[in-house]
């Protein structure tokens, strides 16, 4: 795809994401009825009518923009886990989280986002991170850098001697085994805290407002957009096996994304030292 075609596609995806948020998400923000909120796998794993309808709208819009492409969306996978197989296929894949931070959305907290990434044969090509209640849109293109509101994004190196601020898997969503795996970060010089919307935590890393994230789950819709955003802003990522994160799964966990390679390496050294 030539630069002009890429620019047109990026603009069209931007418009589709904003439209889905404007028509299906924001009208329900702080307006949800109880029957519009459903538990999926427990009291902390929620889905709303906004999640479902926004994903449906994005599925139609995105596949129309790129004929032959398919969507791997959080709600579609919840209904049919076989949808994940598309990540290992030959056609372009849109990876969609319609409302990343559903719990925040349900509680009227503006810290939620719509996440879209485009991948092909396991390689991330572009991503969009949109926080409609905060009016933030971040875009990344593989090899083309990252932008927030049209301005270049750069993580920047962590200041020497600074305590490492890390957002980690939220305690409500982690098993005892996962908590133990992350326990290496409970050490001097590191300040871990439970994460909110994963997409917005990645955005804060890309902005240089957060030093790193460390997560113990691998759902691609939570991580794809943010991993590319951080990489194109100059950051680094990796799993405890010393390998890149694989969209199709089977990763050694936990993994990290950080504002610079040195910080990423330090986080991984602490995580791999556990046990």
Protein backbone atom coordinates (compact mmCIF):
# COMPACT_ATOMS: atom_id res chain seq x y z
CA UNK A 1 0.00 0.00 0.00
CA UNK A 2 1.50 3.35 -1.03
CA UNK A 3 1.71 6.31 1.40
CA UNK A 4 -1.36 7.98 -0.03
CA UNK A 5 -3.46 4.85 0.38
CA UNK A 6 -2.16 4.40 3.94
CA UNK A 7 -3.07 7.98 4.79
CA UNK A 8 -6.58 7.49 3.45
CA UNK A 9 -7.00 4.23 5.34
CA UNK A 10 -5.74 5.76 8.58
CA UNK A 11 -8.15 8.67 8.25
CA UNK A 12 -11.05 6.36 7.47
CA UNK A 13 -10.31 4.13 10.47
CA UNK A 14 -10.01 7.21 12.68
CA UNK A 15 -13.46 8.29 11.47
CA UNK A 16 -14.94 4.80 12.00
CA UNK A 17 -13.61 4.58 15.55
CA UNK A 18 -14.89 8.03 16.45
CA UNK A 19 -18.28 7.26 14.91
CA UNK A 20 -18.67 4.01 16.86
CA UNK A 21 -17.81 5.83 20.08
CA UNK A 22 -20.15 8.72 19.29
CA UNK A 23 -23.13 6.55 18.38
CA UNK A 24 -22.81 3.46 20.58
CA UNK A 25 -20.55 4.29 23.54
CA UNK A 26 -20.80 7.91 24.66
CA UNK A 27 -24.63 8.11 24.62
CA UNK A 28 -24.57 5.30 27.21
CA UNK A 29 -21.76 6.72 29.34
CA UNK A 30 -23.19 7.30 32.83
CA UNK A 31 -26.60 6.36 31.37
CA UNK A 32 -26.49 2.54 31.52
CA UNK A 33 -29.49 0.67 32.86
CA UNK A 34 -28.78 -2.36 35.04
CA UNK A 35 -30.09 -4.78 32.41
CA UNK A 36 -27.51 -3.38 29.93
CA UNK A 37 -24.62 -4.68 32.08
CA UNK A 38 -23.81 -8.40 32.12
CA UNK A 39 -21.15 -10.45 33.93
CA UNK A 40 -19.08 -12.67 31.64
CA UNK A 41 -16.71 -14.68 33.82
CA UNK A 42 -17.31 -13.07 37.20
CA UNK A 43 -18.24 -9.84 38.97
CA UNK A 44 -15.15 -8.01 37.70
CA UNK A 45 -15.49 -9.16 34.07
CA UNK A 46 -18.30 -7.09 32.62
CA UNK A 47 -19.79 -6.46 29.21
CA UNK A 48 -22.37 -3.86 28.27
CA UNK A 49 -24.65 -3.18 25.36
CA UNK A 50 -22.16 -0.46 24.36
CA UNK A 51 -19.34 -3.02 24.02
CA UNK A 52 -21.42 -5.29 21.83
CA UNK A 53 -22.95 -2.68 19.56
CA UNK A 54 -19.70 -0.75 19.11
CA UNK A 55 -17.90 -3.95 18.11
CA UNK A 56 -20.67 -4.84 15.68
CA UNK A 57 -20.47 -1.40 14.07
CA UNK A 58 -16.68 -1.49 13.86
CA UNK A 59 -16.74 -4.97 12.35
CA UNK A 60 -18.91 -3.78 9.48
CA UNK A 61 -16.96 -0.56 8.95
CA UNK A 62 -13.43 -1.95 9.16
CA UNK A 63 -13.96 -4.95 6.90
CA UNK A 64 -15.55 -2.63 4.32
CA UNK A 65 -12.47 -0.40 4.40
CA UNK A 66 -10.14 -3.33 3.68
CA UNK A 67 -11.89 -5.98 1.59
CA UNK A 68 -10.86 -9.51 2.50
CA UNK A 69 -9.94 -8.55 6.06
CA UNK A 70 -11.51 -10.06 9.18
CA UNK A 71 -12.10 -8.89 12.75
CA UNK A 72 -10.92 -10.52 15.95
CA UNK A 73 -12.94 -8.69 18.58
CA UNK A 74 -13.21 -9.28 22.31
CA UNK A 75 -16.94 -9.95 22.23
CA UNK A 76 -16.79 -12.12 19.11
CA UNK A 77 -14.10 -14.27 20.73
CA UNK A 78 -16.15 -14.53 23.92
CA UNK A 79 -18.98 -15.94 21.80
CA UNK A 80 -16.70 -18.20 19.72
CA UNK A 81 -13.06 -18.81 20.72
CA UNK A 82 -12.41 -20.17 17.23
CA UNK A 83 -12.35 -16.59 15.94
CA UNK A 84 -8.82 -16.31 17.37
CA UNK A 85 -7.51 -18.64 14.67
CA UNK A 86 -7.64 -15.73 12.21
CA UNK A 87 -4.54 -14.29 13.90
CA UNK A 88 -2.52 -17.12 12.35
CA UNK A 89 -4.16 -16.88 8.95
CA UNK A 90 -3.15 -15.21 5.71
CA UNK A 91 -5.63 -12.34 5.58
CA UNK A 92 -5.34 -8.95 7.31
CA UNK A 93 -6.88 -8.90 10.78
CA UNK A 94 -8.45 -6.04 12.69
CA UNK A 95 -7.99 -6.60 16.43
CA UNK A 96 -10.74 -4.75 18.30
CA UNK A 97 -11.53 -3.96 21.92
CA UNK A 98 -14.68 -1.83 21.71
CA UNK A 99 -14.52 -0.65 25.34
CA UNK A 100 -11.19 -1.31 27.01
CA UNK A 101 -11.82 -0.57 30.68
CA UNK A 102 -15.44 -1.69 30.80
CA UNK A 103 -15.42 -1.56 34.59
CA UNK A 104 -14.40 2.09 34.46
CA UNK A 105 -17.08 2.75 31.84
CA UNK A 106 -19.75 1.10 33.98
CA UNK A 107 -18.75 3.17 37.02
CA UNK A 108 -18.79 6.47 35.14
CA UNK A 109 -15.01 6.84 35.10
CA UNK A 110 -13.70 8.45 31.86
CA UNK A 111 -10.62 6.18 31.84
CA UNK A 112 -11.73 3.81 29.07
CA UNK A 113 -10.79 3.50 25.42
CA UNK A 114 -11.64 1.94 22.08
CA UNK A 115 -8.66 0.00 20.72
CA UNK A 116 -8.12 -1.04 17.12
CA UNK A 117 -5.02 -2.62 15.58
CA UNK A 118 -4.34 -3.93 12.09
CA UNK A 119 -2.13 -7.00 11.78
CA UNK A 120 -1.05 -9.35 9.00
CA UNK A 121 0.64 -12.71 9.51
CA UNK A 122 1.30 -11.91 13.14
CA UNK A 123 2.88 -8.52 12.47
CA UNK A 124 1.31 -5.31 13.74
CA UNK A 125 0.92 -2.71 11.02
CA UNK A 126 -1.09 0.12 12.58
CA UNK A 127 -3.08 0.99 15.70
CA UNK A 128 -5.62 3.45 17.03
CA UNK A 129 -6.19 4.20 20.72
CA UNK A 130 -9.19 6.44 21.32
CA UNK A 131 -10.38 7.68 24.71
CA UNK A 132 -13.65 9.41 23.78
CA UNK A 133 -14.45 10.79 27.23
CA UNK A 134 -10.95 12.31 27.41
CA UNK A 135 -10.84 13.40 23.75
CA UNK A 136 -7.55 11.59 23.09
CA UNK A 137 -6.68 9.81 19.84
CA UNK A 138 -3.28 8.13 19.47
CA UNK A 139 -2.22 6.50 16.20
CA UNK A 140 0.81 4.40 15.33
CA UNK A 141 2.06 2.98 12.03
CA UNK A 142 4.76 0.34 11.82
CA UNK A 143 7.94 2.15 10.87
CA UNK A 144 6.08 5.45 10.70
CA UNK A 145 6.10 6.61 14.31
CA UNK A 146 3.34 7.42 16.78
CA UNK A 147 1.15 10.47 17.23
CA UNK A 148 -1.26 11.83 19.82
CA UNK A 149 -3.69 14.40 18.49
CA UNK A 150 -1.55 14.74 15.38
CA UNK A 151 1.65 15.49 17.31
CA UNK A 152 4.60 13.08 17.47
CA UNK A 153 4.81 10.86 20.53
CA UNK A 154 8.13 9.91 22.13
CA UNK A 155 8.51 7.97 25.37
CA UNK A 156 11.89 9.44 26.24
CA UNK A 157 14.39 7.69 28.52
CA UNK A 158 13.64 7.29 32.22
CA UNK A 159 15.48 9.92 34.28
CA UNK A 160 18.49 8.48 36.10
CA UNK A 161 17.71 7.38 39.64
CA UNK A 162 13.96 7.73 39.24
CA UNK A 163 11.75 5.15 40.93
CA UNK A 164 10.21 2.95 38.22
CA UNK A 165 6.45 3.46 38.09
CA UNK A 166 4.79 0.31 36.75
CA UNK A 167 1.15 -0.50 36.07
CA UNK A 168 0.56 -4.21 36.61
CA UNK A 169 -2.31 -6.65 36.18
CA UNK A 170 -5.14 -5.58 38.48
CA UNK A 171 -5.38 -7.66 41.64
CA UNK A 172 -9.08 -8.35 41.03
CA UNK A 173 -8.22 -10.14 37.79
CA UNK A 174 -5.16 -12.16 38.89
CA UNK A 175 -4.83 -15.61 40.36
CA UNK A 176 -2.46 -16.39 43.22
CA UNK A 177 -0.01 -17.84 40.69
CA UNK A 178 -0.11 -14.65 38.62
CA UNK A 179 0.34 -12.49 41.71
CA UNK A 180 3.40 -14.55 42.60
CA UNK A 181 4.79 -14.13 39.10
CA UNK A 182 4.52 -10.36 39.42
CA UNK A 183 5.87 -10.25 42.96
CA UNK A 184 9.43 -9.57 41.79
CA UNK A 185 8.32 -5.97 41.22
CA UNK A 186 7.67 -5.52 44.95
CA UNK A 187 11.18 -4.29 45.53
CA UNK A 188 13.13 -1.15 46.25
CA UNK A 189 13.24 1.29 43.38
CA UNK A 190 10.01 0.02 41.79
CA UNK A 191 6.51 1.35 42.47
CA UNK A 192 3.91 -1.07 41.07
CA UNK A 193 0.22 -0.26 41.08
CA UNK A 194 -2.88 -1.99 39.68
CA UNK A 195 -3.69 -0.98 36.12
CA UNK A 196 -6.82 0.65 34.81
CA UNK A 197 -7.57 0.47 31.09
CA UNK A 198 -4.62 -1.38 29.57
CA UNK A 199 -4.84 0.72 26.43
CA UNK A 200 -4.55 3.96 28.38
CA UNK A 201 -1.65 2.59 30.44
CA UNK A 202 0.21 1.86 27.20
CA UNK A 203 -0.62 5.38 26.05
CA UNK A 204 0.90 6.79 29.23
CA UNK A 205 4.08 4.79 28.59
CA UNK A 206 4.23 6.18 25.06
CA UNK A 207 3.74 9.69 26.47
CA UNK A 208 6.52 9.24 29.03
CA UNK A 209 4.03 9.61 31.90
CA UNK A 210 4.47 5.99 33.04
CA UNK A 211 7.68 3.98 33.01
CA UNK A 212 6.33 0.52 32.23
CA UNK A 213 3.50 -1.97 32.30
CA UNK A 214 3.77 -5.61 33.35
CA UNK A 215 0.87 -7.90 32.52
CA UNK A 216 0.07 -11.55 33.22
CA UNK A 217 -2.60 -12.08 30.56
CA UNK A 218 -2.30 -12.08 26.78
CA UNK A 219 -5.68 -11.25 25.20
CA UNK A 220 -4.57 -9.65 21.93
CA UNK A 221 -7.31 -6.98 21.92
CA UNK A 222 -5.94 -5.60 25.20
CA UNK A 223 -2.33 -5.35 24.04
CA UNK A 224 -2.00 -5.11 20.26
CA UNK A 225 -2.70 -1.39 19.86
CA UNK A 226 -0.60 -0.41 22.85
CA UNK A 227 2.40 -2.53 22.01
CA UNK A 228 2.73 -0.92 18.58
CA UNK A 229 2.11 2.53 20.06
CA UNK A 230 4.92 2.11 22.61
CA UNK A 231 7.29 0.61 20.03
CA UNK A 232 6.75 3.45 17.57
CA UNK A 233 7.18 6.01 20.35
CA UNK A 234 10.64 4.58 21.03
CA UNK A 235 9.86 2.10 23.78
CA UNK A 236 10.61 -1.60 24.14
CA UNK A 237 8.79 -4.77 25.16
CA UNK A 238 9.35 -8.47 25.74
CA UNK A 239 8.28 -11.56 27.64
CA UNK A 240 10.06 -13.34 30.47
CA UNK A 241 11.34 -15.81 27.88
CA UNK A 242 13.21 -12.97 26.19
CA UNK A 243 10.94 -13.15 23.16
CA UNK A 244 8.64 -10.65 21.44
CA UNK A 245 4.97 -10.84 22.39
CA UNK A 246 3.05 -13.10 19.98
CA UNK A 247 -0.43 -11.94 19.03
CA UNK A 248 -1.68 -15.49 18.53
CA UNK A 249 -0.84 -16.43 22.12
CA UNK A 250 1.35 -19.01 23.77
CA UNK A 251 3.54 -16.33 25.37
CA UNK A 252 5.71 -16.86 28.42
CA UNK A 253 4.16 -14.60 31.04
CA UNK A 254 4.37 -12.01 32.52
CA UNK A 255 5.57 -9.59 29.85
CA UNK A 256 6.42 -5.91 29.87
CA UNK A 257 6.38 -2.80 27.71
CA UNK A 258 8.51 0.11 28.85
CA UNK A 259 9.59 3.58 27.84
CA UNK A 260 13.12 2.43 26.98
CA UNK A 261 15.07 -0.79 26.49
CA UNK A 262 16.99 -0.42 29.77
CA UNK A 263 13.81 -0.18 31.81
CA UNK A 264 12.25 -3.12 29.96
CA UNK A 265 15.32 -5.25 30.61
CA UNK A 266 15.30 -4.35 34.31
CA UNK A 267 11.61 -5.19 34.68
CA UNK A 268 12.13 -8.55 32.98
CA UNK A 269 15.12 -9.34 35.18
CA UNK A 270 12.96 -8.79 38.26
CA UNK A 271 10.12 -10.90 36.87
CA UNK A 272 12.36 -13.80 35.84
CA UNK A 273 14.09 -13.79 39.24
CA UNK A 274 10.86 -14.89 40.96
CA UNK A 275 10.81 -18.54 41.94
